[in-house]
Amino acid sequence: MGASLSNLGENGSGSGGPGLGDIPESCVACVFLYLSPPEICNLARLNRAFRGAASSDAVWEAKLPSNYHHLLQLLSQPAVCENLSRKDIFAFLARPNPFDDANKLVWVDRYAGRVCMSISAKGMSITGIEDRRYWNWVPTEESRFNVVAYLQQIWWFEVDGSVTFPFPPDIYTLSFRIHLGRFSRRLGRRISHFDHTHGWDIKPVRFELSTSDGQHASSECFLDVIPEDDANGSYKRGCWIEYKVGQFLVKESDPPTEVRFSMKQIDCTHSKGGLCVDSVSIMPSELKERRSERTLQ
């Protein structure tokens, strides 16, 4: 069976007839335009024609974002465009690339070729962050940025941020990544601590976003559970949760879109604490929904 498959991949089908190796490279390239990058790379192993089509600049140009030249300039890598093939440029952009003092990461989804972004808590404005009575920076491997902001206790909770970026045309979803409680590892096991966690079940946290072209979105959510929710198994403590703020539409990448976002609970009638803030994610809404569906499955 292995010999038959091997023959099928080269010129001939193993019985004297035409095989995959007889398909013109240009025809294979046309088919590749409808496949995802991982599928193209897998098929490249079949034979010489498939391998040649999988290296075609025309194929990979179609997989790259329409404004990938601007992305390379933003990442201070304009020379990459001149020295690498389109396939290598895709591989470069498919890994998280830091910018803005490494407080932001941008990458191209390797299946869909669409732009995604993550913004560290280090790149946000956090009320009281310089006072260690309220906030601490905690190193961790559970963050893309290897550090999260941990709130011990505060009365005025406010986290703000913004980014100006040439997002390609798409519909994007913005979310905050948050963890109730502090976590550590002991003897290889992950342990969560909730001694500071309080106040998040009294009033909801308000999430907001706005864009430079006048779009607005907001949502409110209790970050901690109330007793009846706990009894029904909807426990929010001890795990990372992404809270959706809203969506925004980008019609053109030029001029760049400014996105402002915030997370607030400024009711000073009670204190709150025991919360980790990791990052904000911005990604195409369709990709976000697909990932959520895979997680639920």
C-alpha atoms as a PDB file:
ATOM      1  CA  MET A   1       0.000   0.000   0.000  1.00  0.00           C
ATOM      2  CA  GLY A   2       2.830   2.360   0.841  1.00  0.00           C
ATOM      3  CA  ALA A   3       4.463   1.690  -2.540  1.00  0.00           C
ATOM      4  CA  SER A   4       1.187   2.419  -4.341  1.00  0.00           C
ATOM      5  CA  LEU A   5       0.777   5.755  -2.590  1.00  0.00           C
ATOM      6  CA  SER A   6       4.370   6.607  -3.351  1.00  0.00           C
ATOM      7  CA  ASN A   7       3.870   5.882  -7.035  1.00  0.00           C
ATOM      8  CA  LEU A   8       0.643   7.877  -7.066  1.00  0.00           C
ATOM      9  CA  GLY A   9       2.497  10.914  -5.818  1.00  0.00           C
ATOM     10  CA  GLU A  10       5.000  10.792  -8.697  1.00  0.00           C
ATOM     11  CA  ASN A  11       4.506  10.616 -12.432  1.00  0.00           C
ATOM     12  CA  GLY A  12       2.140   7.755 -13.118  1.00  0.00           C
ATOM     13  CA  SER A  13      -0.538   6.139 -11.015  1.00  0.00           C
ATOM     14  CA  GLY A  14       1.257   2.866 -10.407  1.00  0.00           C
ATOM     15  CA  SER A  15      -0.658   1.145 -13.228  1.00  0.00           C
ATOM     16  CA  GLY A  16       0.708   3.086 -16.186  1.00  0.00           C
ATOM     17  CA  GLY A  17      -1.962   5.804 -16.149  1.00  0.00           C
ATOM     18  CA  PRO A  18      -1.647   9.488 -15.270  1.00  0.00           C
ATOM     19  CA  GLY A  19      -1.013  10.424 -11.641  1.00  0.00           C
ATOM     20  CA  LEU A  20      -0.815  13.456  -9.417  1.00  0.00           C
ATOM     21  CA  GLY A  21       2.641  14.187 -10.730  1.00  0.00           C
ATOM     22  CA  ASP A  22       1.167  14.831 -14.177  1.00  0.00           C
ATOM     23  CA  ILE A  23      -0.940  17.778 -12.976  1.00  0.00           C
ATOM     24  CA  PRO A  24       0.633  21.069 -14.135  1.00  0.00           C
ATOM     25  CA  GLU A  25       2.077  23.175 -11.352  1.00  0.00           C
ATOM     26  CA  SER A  26      -0.065  26.136 -12.419  1.00  0.00           C
ATOM     27  CA  CYS A  27      -3.229  24.061 -11.942  1.00  0.00           C
ATOM     28  CA  VAL A  28      -2.082  22.930  -8.503  1.00  0.00           C
ATOM     29  CA  ALA A  29      -1.435  26.579  -7.577  1.00  0.00           C
ATOM     30  CA  CYS A  30      -5.001  27.483  -8.577  1.00  0.00           C
ATOM     31  CA  VAL A  31      -6.340  24.772  -6.254  1.00  0.00           C
ATOM     32  CA  PHE A  32      -4.079  25.973  -3.422  1.00  0.00           C
ATOM     33  CA  LEU A  33      -5.752  29.382  -3.556  1.00  0.00           C
ATOM     34  CA  TYR A  34      -8.810  27.744  -1.946  1.00  0.00           C
ATOM     35  CA  LEU A  35      -6.898  25.902   0.800  1.00  0.00           C
ATOM     36  CA  SER A  36      -5.575  27.029   4.174  1.00  0.00           C
ATOM     37  CA  PRO A  37      -1.809  27.488   4.698  1.00  0.00           C
ATOM     38  CA  PRO A  38      -1.472  24.312   6.845  1.00  0.00           C
ATOM     39  CA  GLU A  39      -3.249  22.298   4.147  1.00  0.00           C
ATOM     40  CA  ILE A  40      -0.927  23.710   1.485  1.00  0.00           C
ATOM     41  CA  CYS A  41       2.153  22.780   3.510  1.00  0.00           C
ATOM     42  CA  ASN A  42       0.883  19.225   4.010  1.00  0.00           C
ATOM     43  CA  LEU A  43       0.184  18.715   0.306  1.00  0.00           C
ATOM     44  CA  ALA A  44       3.600  20.113  -0.637  1.00  0.00           C
ATOM     45  CA  ARG A  45       5.102  16.775   0.422  1.00  0.00           C
ATOM     46  CA  LEU A  46       3.318  14.834  -2.321  1.00  0.00           C
ATOM     47  CA  ASN A  47       5.597  15.530  -5.294  1.00  0.00           C
ATOM     48  CA  ARG A  48       7.650  18.120  -7.152  1.00  0.00           C
ATOM     49  CA  ALA A  49       4.697  19.878  -8.796  1.00  0.00           C
ATOM     50  CA  PHE A  50       2.853  20.284  -5.489  1.00  0.00           C
ATOM     51  CA  ARG A  51       6.052  21.425  -3.791  1.00  0.00           C
ATOM     52  CA  GLY A  52       6.661  24.021  -6.472  1.00  0.00           C
ATOM     53  CA  ALA A  53       3.081  25.327  -6.301  1.00  0.00           C
ATOM     54  CA  ALA A  54       3.330  25.511  -2.496  1.00  0.00           C
ATOM     55  CA  SER A  55       6.245  27.925  -2.864  1.00  0.00           C
ATOM     56  CA  SER A  56       4.527  30.168  -5.388  1.00  0.00           C
ATOM     57  CA  ASP A  57       4.481  33.865  -4.496  1.00  0.00           C
ATOM     58  CA  ALA A  58       1.054  34.166  -6.133  1.00  0.00           C
ATOM     59  CA  VAL A  59      -0.391  31.566  -3.742  1.00  0.00           C
ATOM     60  CA  TRP A  60       1.026  33.156  -0.607  1.00  0.00           C
ATOM     61  CA  GLU A  61       0.276  36.708  -1.723  1.00  0.00           C
ATOM     62  CA  ALA A  62      -3.399  35.695  -1.571  1.00  0.00           C
ATOM     63  CA  LYS A  63      -2.962  34.376   1.986  1.00  0.00           C
ATOM     64  CA  LEU A  64      -1.314  37.524   3.348  1.00  0.00           C
ATOM     65  CA  PRO A  65      -3.303  40.510   4.680  1.00  0.00           C
ATOM     66  CA  SER A  66      -3.919  43.124   2.007  1.00  0.00           C
ATOM     67  CA  ASN A  67      -1.727  45.644   3.869  1.00  0.00           C
ATOM     68  CA  TYR A  68       1.098  43.342   4.930  1.00  0.00           C
ATOM     69  CA  HIS A  69       3.653  45.901   3.658  1.00  0.00           C
ATOM     70  CA  HIS A  70       2.357  48.354   6.286  1.00  0.00           C
ATOM     71  CA  LEU A  71       2.622  45.682   8.965  1.00  0.00           C
ATOM     72  CA  LEU A  72       6.258  45.053   8.077  1.00  0.00           C
ATOM     73  CA  GLN A  73       6.993  48.783   8.259  1.00  0.00           C
ATOM     74  CA  LEU A  74       5.280  49.044  11.630  1.00  0.00           C
ATOM     75  CA  LEU A  75       7.386  46.152  12.912  1.00  0.00           C
ATOM     76  CA  SER A  76      10.515  47.907  11.593  1.00  0.00           C
ATOM     77  CA  GLN A  77      11.091  45.063   9.159  1.00  0.00           C
ATOM     78  CA  PRO A  78      10.588  46.631   5.681  1.00  0.00           C
ATOM     79  CA  ALA A  79      13.660  44.817   4.341  1.00  0.00           C
ATOM     80  CA  VAL A  80      11.948  41.505   5.006  1.00  0.00           C
ATOM     81  CA  CYS A  81       9.631  42.187   2.078  1.00  0.00           C
ATOM     82  CA  GLU A  82      12.620  42.504  -0.278  1.00  0.00           C
ATOM     83  CA  ASN A  83      14.704  39.562   0.895  1.00  0.00           C
ATOM     84  CA  LEU A  84      12.096  36.876   1.581  1.00  0.00           C
ATOM     85  CA  SER A  85       9.555  35.011  -0.505  1.00  0.00           C
ATOM     86  CA  ARG A  86       5.853  35.592   0.187  1.00  0.00           C
ATOM     87  CA  LYS A  87       5.754  32.207   1.918  1.00  0.00           C
ATOM     88  CA  ASP A  88       8.562  33.237   4.272  1.00  0.00           C
ATOM     89  CA  ILE A  89       6.879  36.588   4.915  1.00  0.00           C
ATOM     90  CA  PHE A  90       3.718  34.711   5.914  1.00  0.00           C
ATOM     91  CA  ALA A  91       5.766  32.523   8.269  1.00  0.00           C
ATOM     92  CA  PHE A  92       7.346  35.659   9.770  1.00  0.00           C
ATOM     93  CA  LEU A  93       3.997  37.372  10.359  1.00  0.00           C
ATOM     94  CA  ALA A  94       2.364  34.185  11.661  1.00  0.00           C
ATOM     95  CA  ARG A  95       4.442  34.334  14.842  1.00  0.00           C
ATOM     96  CA  PRO A  96       3.718  36.967  17.526  1.00  0.00           C
ATOM     97  CA  ASN A  97       5.734  40.083  16.707  1.00  0.00           C
ATOM     98  CA  PRO A  98       6.258  42.676  19.469  1.00  0.00           C
ATOM     99  CA  PHE A  99       5.996  46.437  19.022  1.00  0.00           C
ATOM    100  CA  ASP A 100       5.467  49.525  21.214  1.00  0.00           C
ATOM    101  CA  ASP A 101       8.232  48.559  23.676  1.00  0.00           C
ATOM    102  CA  ALA A 102       7.096  44.911  23.463  1.00  0.00           C
ATOM    103  CA  ASN A 103       3.835  45.795  25.236  1.00  0.00           C
ATOM    104  CA  LYS A 104       1.834  44.776  22.178  1.00  0.00           C
ATOM    105  CA  LEU A 105       1.962  41.692  19.956  1.00  0.00           C
ATOM    106  CA  VAL A 106       0.556  41.332  16.457  1.00  0.00           C
ATOM    107  CA  TRP A 107       0.386  38.217  14.294  1.00  0.00           C
ATOM    108  CA  VAL A 108      -1.429  36.713  11.339  1.00  0.00           C
ATOM    109  CA  ASP A 109      -3.653  33.733  12.055  1.00  0.00           C
ATOM    110  CA  ARG A 110      -1.965  30.799  10.334  1.00  0.00           C
ATOM    111  CA  TYR A 111      -5.247  29.281   9.156  1.00  0.00           C
ATOM    112  CA  ALA A 112      -7.119  32.353   7.939  1.00  0.00           C
ATOM    113  CA  GLY A 113      -4.339  34.893   7.305  1.00  0.00           C
ATOM    114  CA  ARG A 114      -6.165  37.553   9.325  1.00  0.00           C
ATOM    115  CA  VAL A 115      -4.577  39.989  11.766  1.00  0.00           C
ATOM    116  CA  CYS A 116      -4.816  39.443  15.538  1.00  0.00           C
ATOM    117  CA  MET A 117      -3.427  41.531  18.392  1.00  0.00           C
ATOM    118  CA  SER A 118      -2.771  41.271  22.111  1.00  0.00           C
ATOM    119  CA  ILE A 119      -2.044  44.225  24.420  1.00  0.00           C
ATOM    120  CA  SER A 120      -0.299  43.649  27.745  1.00  0.00           C
ATOM    121  CA  ALA A 121      -1.461  45.167  31.009  1.00  0.00           C
ATOM    122  CA  LYS A 122       1.979  46.850  30.931  1.00  0.00           C
ATOM    123  CA  GLY A 123       0.746  48.835  27.944  1.00  0.00           C
ATOM    124  CA  MET A 124      -2.360  50.123  29.746  1.00  0.00           C
ATOM    125  CA  SER A 125      -3.045  52.922  32.210  1.00  0.00           C
ATOM    126  CA  ILE A 126      -4.045  51.385  35.566  1.00  0.00           C
ATOM    127  CA  THR A 127      -5.149  53.600  38.442  1.00  0.00           C
ATOM    128  CA  GLY A 128      -2.835  53.067  41.429  1.00  0.00           C
ATOM    129  CA  ILE A 129      -0.441  50.720  39.605  1.00  0.00           C
ATOM    130  CA  GLU A 130       2.633  52.433  41.081  1.00  0.00           C
ATOM    131  CA  ASP A 131       1.446  51.929  44.664  1.00  0.00           C
ATOM    132  CA  ARG A 132       2.353  48.438  45.838  1.00  0.00           C
ATOM    133  CA  ARG A 133      -0.309  48.618  48.532  1.00  0.00           C
ATOM    134  CA  TYR A 134      -2.808  48.192  45.695  1.00  0.00           C
ATOM    135  CA  TRP A 135      -1.140  46.525  42.714  1.00  0.00           C
ATOM    136  CA  ASN A 136       1.800  44.195  42.029  1.00  0.00           C
ATOM    137  CA  TRP A 137       3.371  42.821  38.864  1.00  0.00           C
ATOM    138  CA  VAL A 138       3.411  39.020  38.982  1.00  0.00           C
ATOM    139  CA  PRO A 139       5.658  37.017  36.614  1.00  0.00           C
ATOM    140  CA  THR A 140       3.933  33.993  35.077  1.00  0.00           C
ATOM    141  CA  GLU A 141       4.144  31.635  32.121  1.00  0.00           C
ATOM    142  CA  GLU A 142       0.363  31.820  31.761  1.00  0.00           C
ATOM    143  CA  SER A 143       0.618  35.134  29.910  1.00  0.00           C
ATOM    144  CA  ARG A 144       1.965  35.829  26.436  1.00  0.00           C
ATOM    145  CA  PHE A 145       3.866  38.693  28.068  1.00  0.00           C
ATOM    146  CA  ASN A 146       5.142  36.623  31.034  1.00  0.00           C
ATOM    147  CA  VAL A 147       3.704  39.116  33.537  1.00  0.00           C
ATOM    148  CA  VAL A 148       0.249  40.118  34.815  1.00  0.00           C
ATOM    149  CA  ALA A 149      -1.036  42.918  37.047  1.00  0.00           C
ATOM    150  CA  TYR A 150      -2.424  41.664  40.374  1.00  0.00           C
ATOM    151  CA  LEU A 151      -4.821  43.827  42.389  1.00  0.00           C
ATOM    152  CA  GLN A 152      -4.755  43.287  46.155  1.00  0.00           C
ATOM    153  CA  GLN A 153      -7.359  45.887  47.134  1.00  0.00           C
ATOM    154  CA  ILE A 154      -8.610  49.232  45.849  1.00  0.00           C
ATOM    155  CA  TRP A 155     -11.702  51.435  45.945  1.00  0.00           C
ATOM    156  CA  TRP A 156     -11.418  53.070  42.517  1.00  0.00           C
ATOM    157  CA  PHE A 157     -10.833  50.365  39.901  1.00  0.00           C
ATOM    158  CA  GLU A 158     -10.015  51.675  36.442  1.00  0.00           C
ATOM    159  CA  VAL A 159      -7.980  50.242  33.558  1.00  0.00           C
ATOM    160  CA  ASP A 160      -7.689  52.199  30.287  1.00  0.00           C
ATOM    161  CA  GLY A 161      -5.771  51.719  27.080  1.00  0.00           C
ATOM    162  CA  SER A 162      -5.597  52.563  23.402  1.00  0.00           C
ATOM    163  CA  VAL A 163      -3.940  51.431  20.202  1.00  0.00           C
ATOM    164  CA  THR A 164      -3.596  53.054  16.796  1.00  0.00           C
ATOM    165  CA  PHE A 165      -3.030  50.453  14.114  1.00  0.00           C
ATOM    166  CA  PRO A 166      -3.638  49.869  10.371  1.00  0.00           C
ATOM    167  CA  PHE A 167      -6.096  47.016  10.868  1.00  0.00           C
ATOM    168  CA  PRO A 168      -7.074  45.370   7.558  1.00  0.00           C
ATOM    169  CA  PRO A 169     -10.787  45.658   6.681  1.00  0.00           C
ATOM    170  CA  ASP A 170     -12.733  43.265   8.918  1.00  0.00           C
ATOM    171  CA  ILE A 171     -15.086  43.047  11.894  1.00  0.00           C
ATOM    172  CA  TYR A 172     -13.105  42.770  15.136  1.00  0.00           C
ATOM    173  CA  THR A 173     -13.947  41.708  18.686  1.00  0.00           C
ATOM    174  CA  LEU A 174     -12.179  43.253  21.694  1.00  0.00           C
ATOM    175  CA  SER A 175     -11.936  41.313  24.983  1.00  0.00           C
ATOM    176  CA  PHE A 176     -10.246  41.631  28.382  1.00  0.00           C
ATOM    177  CA  ARG A 177      -8.461  38.541  29.775  1.00  0.00           C
ATOM    178  CA  ILE A 178      -9.011  38.402  33.550  1.00  0.00           C
ATOM    179  CA  HIS A 179      -8.434  35.936  36.385  1.00  0.00           C
ATOM    180  CA  LEU A 180     -10.159  36.040  39.791  1.00  0.00           C
ATOM    181  CA  GLY A 181      -7.681  35.150  42.503  1.00  0.00           C
ATOM    182  CA  ARG A 182      -3.923  34.764  42.511  1.00  0.00           C
ATOM    183  CA  PHE A 183      -2.240  31.559  41.348  1.00  0.00           C
ATOM    184  CA  SER A 184       1.043  29.783  41.947  1.00  0.00           C
ATOM    185  CA  ARG A 185       2.644  26.378  41.475  1.00  0.00           C
ATOM    186  CA  ARG A 186       3.590  23.982  44.218  1.00  0.00           C
ATOM    187  CA  LEU A 187       5.157  20.594  43.503  1.00  0.00           C
ATOM    188  CA  GLY A 188       4.106  20.935  39.878  1.00  0.00           C
ATOM    189  CA  ARG A 189       0.471  21.639  40.706  1.00  0.00           C
ATOM    190  CA  ARG A 190      -1.353  24.885  39.988  1.00  0.00           C
ATOM    191  CA  ILE A 191      -2.923  26.415  43.096  1.00  0.00           C
ATOM    192  CA  SER A 192      -5.281  29.410  43.251  1.00  0.00           C
ATOM    193  CA  HIS A 193      -5.508  31.746  46.237  1.00  0.00           C
ATOM    194  CA  PHE A 194      -8.600  33.848  46.950  1.00  0.00           C
ATOM    195  CA  ASP A 195      -7.713  35.546  50.242  1.00  0.00           C
ATOM    196  CA  HIS A 196      -7.860  39.004  48.583  1.00  0.00           C
ATOM    197  CA  THR A 197     -10.803  38.283  46.264  1.00  0.00           C
ATOM    198  CA  HIS A 198     -13.833  40.348  47.242  1.00  0.00           C
ATOM    199  CA  GLY A 199     -16.223  43.031  46.042  1.00  0.00           C
ATOM    200  CA  TRP A 200     -16.825  41.804  42.485  1.00  0.00           C
ATOM    201  CA  ASP A 201     -20.285  40.419  43.223  1.00  0.00           C
ATOM    202  CA  ILE A 202     -21.647  43.715  44.616  1.00  0.00           C
ATOM    203  CA  LYS A 203     -21.608  45.922  41.523  1.00  0.00           C
ATOM    204  CA  PRO A 204     -20.863  45.039  37.880  1.00  0.00           C
ATOM    205  CA  VAL A 205     -17.713  46.075  36.051  1.00  0.00           C
ATOM    206  CA  ARG A 206     -18.331  48.265  33.006  1.00  0.00           C
ATOM    207  CA  PHE A 207     -16.396  47.559  29.810  1.00  0.00           C
ATOM    208  CA  GLU A 208     -16.245  50.134  27.011  1.00  0.00           C
ATOM    209  CA  LEU A 209     -14.597  50.676  23.644  1.00  0.00           C
ATOM    210  CA  SER A 210     -14.641  53.496  21.099  1.00  0.00           C
ATOM    211  CA  THR A 211     -12.923  54.100  17.779  1.00  0.00           C
ATOM    212  CA  SER A 212     -11.582  57.154  15.980  1.00  0.00           C
ATOM    213  CA  ASP A 213     -14.422  56.965  13.437  1.00  0.00           C
ATOM    214  CA  GLY A 214     -17.136  57.239  16.089  1.00  0.00           C
ATOM    215  CA  GLN A 215     -18.032  53.635  16.885  1.00  0.00           C
ATOM    216  CA  HIS A 216     -18.937  52.748  20.479  1.00  0.00           C
ATOM    217  CA  ALA A 217     -19.660  49.544  22.379  1.00  0.00           C
ATOM    218  CA  SER A 218     -20.101  48.698  26.050  1.00  0.00           C
ATOM    219  CA  SER A 219     -21.107  45.860  28.345  1.00  0.00           C
ATOM    220  CA  GLU A 220     -21.452  45.187  32.069  1.00  0.00           C
ATOM    221  CA  CYS A 221     -20.689  42.024  34.004  1.00  0.00           C
ATOM    222  CA  PHE A 222     -20.351  40.763  37.576  1.00  0.00           C
ATOM    223  CA  LEU A 223     -16.873  39.262  37.740  1.00  0.00           C
ATOM    224  CA  ASP A 224     -17.643  37.100  40.763  1.00  0.00           C
ATOM    225  CA  VAL A 225     -20.553  34.744  41.275  1.00  0.00           C
ATOM    226  CA  ILE A 226     -23.449  35.114  43.650  1.00  0.00           C
ATOM    227  CA  PRO A 227     -24.305  32.062  45.839  1.00  0.00           C
ATOM    228  CA  GLU A 228     -27.109  30.733  43.612  1.00  0.00           C
ATOM    229  CA  ASP A 229     -24.830  30.851  40.552  1.00  0.00           C
ATOM    230  CA  ASP A 230     -22.205  28.937  42.483  1.00  0.00           C
ATOM    231  CA  ALA A 231     -24.783  26.245  43.319  1.00  0.00           C
ATOM    232  CA  ASN A 232     -25.549  25.889  39.606  1.00  0.00           C
ATOM    233  CA  GLY A 233     -21.895  25.335  38.762  1.00  0.00           C
ATOM    234  CA  SER A 234     -21.173  28.676  37.078  1.00  0.00           C
ATOM    235  CA  TYR A 235     -18.043  29.329  39.110  1.00  0.00           C
ATOM    236  CA  LYS A 236     -15.730  32.051  37.779  1.00  0.00           C
ATOM    237  CA  ARG A 237     -12.816  31.852  40.186  1.00  0.00           C
ATOM    238  CA  GLY A 238      -9.449  30.250  39.502  1.00  0.00           C
ATOM    239  CA  CYS A 239      -9.434  30.354  35.691  1.00  0.00           C
ATOM    240  CA  TRP A 240      -8.721  32.824  32.921  1.00  0.00           C
ATOM    241  CA  ILE A 241     -11.872  34.296  31.381  1.00  0.00           C
ATOM    242  CA  GLU A 242     -12.139  36.555  28.347  1.00  0.00           C
ATOM    243  CA  TYR A 243     -14.811  39.212  28.798  1.00  0.00           C
ATOM    244  CA  LYS A 244     -16.123  40.530  25.493  1.00  0.00           C
ATOM    245  CA  VAL A 245     -16.355  44.310  25.369  1.00  0.00           C
ATOM    246  CA  GLY A 246     -17.829  44.627  21.899  1.00  0.00           C
ATOM    247  CA  GLN A 247     -17.152  44.730  18.166  1.00  0.00           C
ATOM    248  CA  PHE A 248     -15.967  47.372  15.730  1.00  0.00           C
ATOM    249  CA  LEU A 249     -15.820  47.534  11.948  1.00  0.00           C
ATOM    250  CA  VAL A 250     -12.784  48.562   9.919  1.00  0.00           C
ATOM    251  CA  LYS A 251     -13.574  49.546   6.321  1.00  0.00           C
ATOM    252  CA  GLU A 252     -10.104  50.730   5.282  1.00  0.00           C
ATOM    253  CA  SER A 253      -6.636  50.268   6.760  1.00  0.00           C
ATOM    254  CA  ASP A 254      -5.589  53.787   5.775  1.00  0.00           C
ATOM    255  CA  PRO A 255      -5.797  55.907   7.847  1.00  0.00           C
ATOM    256  CA  PRO A 256      -5.007  53.689  10.850  1.00  0.00           C
ATOM    257  CA  THR A 257      -7.831  53.078  13.314  1.00  0.00           C
ATOM    258  CA  GLU A 258      -7.488  54.267  16.900  1.00  0.00           C
ATOM    259  CA  VAL A 259      -9.240  51.993  19.398  1.00  0.00           C
ATOM    260  CA  ARG A 260      -9.758  53.121  23.010  1.00  0.00           C
ATOM    261  CA  PHE A 261     -10.907  50.656  25.676  1.00  0.00           C
ATOM    262  CA  SER A 262     -11.560  50.617  29.400  1.00  0.00           C
ATOM    263  CA  MET A 263     -12.661  48.490  32.328  1.00  0.00           C
ATOM    264  CA  LYS A 264     -14.090  50.310  35.367  1.00  0.00           C
ATOM    265  CA  GLN A 265     -15.766  49.802  38.715  1.00  0.00           C
ATOM    266  CA  ILE A 266     -15.553  53.215  40.354  1.00  0.00           C
ATOM    267  CA  ASP A 267     -18.310  52.893  42.955  1.00  0.00           C
ATOM    268  CA  CYS A 268     -16.336  53.887  46.058  1.00  0.00           C
ATOM    269  CA  THR A 269     -18.943  52.574  48.514  1.00  0.00           C
ATOM    270  CA  HIS A 270     -16.988  49.306  48.734  1.00  0.00           C
ATOM    271  CA  SER A 271     -13.484  47.997  48.037  1.00  0.00           C
ATOM    272  CA  LYS A 272     -12.579  45.190  45.640  1.00  0.00           C
ATOM    273  CA  GLY A 273      -9.504  43.054  45.145  1.00  0.00           C
ATOM    274  CA  GLY A 274      -7.968  39.703  44.316  1.00  0.00           C
ATOM    275  CA  LEU A 275      -7.925  40.125  40.520  1.00  0.00           C
ATOM    276  CA  CYS A 276      -5.306  39.503  37.807  1.00  0.00           C
ATOM    277  CA  VAL A 277      -5.370  41.555  34.612  1.00  0.00           C
ATOM    278  CA  ASP A 278      -3.407  39.967  31.786  1.00  0.00           C
ATOM    279  CA  SER A 279      -4.202  41.580  28.457  1.00  0.00           C
ATOM    280  CA  VAL A 280      -6.668  42.812  25.881  1.00  0.00           C
ATOM    281  CA  SER A 281      -7.162  40.824  22.689  1.00  0.00           C
ATOM    282  CA  ILE A 282      -8.363  42.169  19.348  1.00  0.00           C
ATOM    283  CA  MET A 283      -9.146  39.617  16.671  1.00  0.00           C
ATOM    284  CA  PRO A 284     -11.572  39.092  13.789  1.00  0.00           C
ATOM    285  CA  SER A 285     -14.988  38.248  15.216  1.00  0.00           C
ATOM    286  CA  GLU A 286     -15.373  35.197  12.992  1.00  0.00           C
ATOM    287  CA  LEU A 287     -12.125  33.709  14.308  1.00  0.00           C
ATOM    288  CA  LYS A 288     -13.145  34.511  17.869  1.00  0.00           C
ATOM    289  CA  GLU A 289     -16.435  32.671  17.442  1.00  0.00           C
ATOM    290  CA  ARG A 290     -14.729  29.633  15.913  1.00  0.00           C
ATOM    291  CA  ARG A 291     -12.300  29.392  18.817  1.00  0.00           C
ATOM    292  CA  SER A 292     -15.146  29.663  21.310  1.00  0.00           C
ATOM    293  CA  GLU A 293     -17.007  26.853  19.532  1.00  0.00           C
ATOM    294  CA  ARG A 294     -13.899  24.612  19.604  1.00  0.00           C
ATOM    295  CA  THR A 295     -13.442  25.352  23.319  1.00  0.00           C
ATOM    296  CA  LEU A 296     -17.031  24.384  24.084  1.00  0.00           C
ATOM    297  CA  GLN A 297     -16.648  21.153  22.122  1.00  0.00           C
END
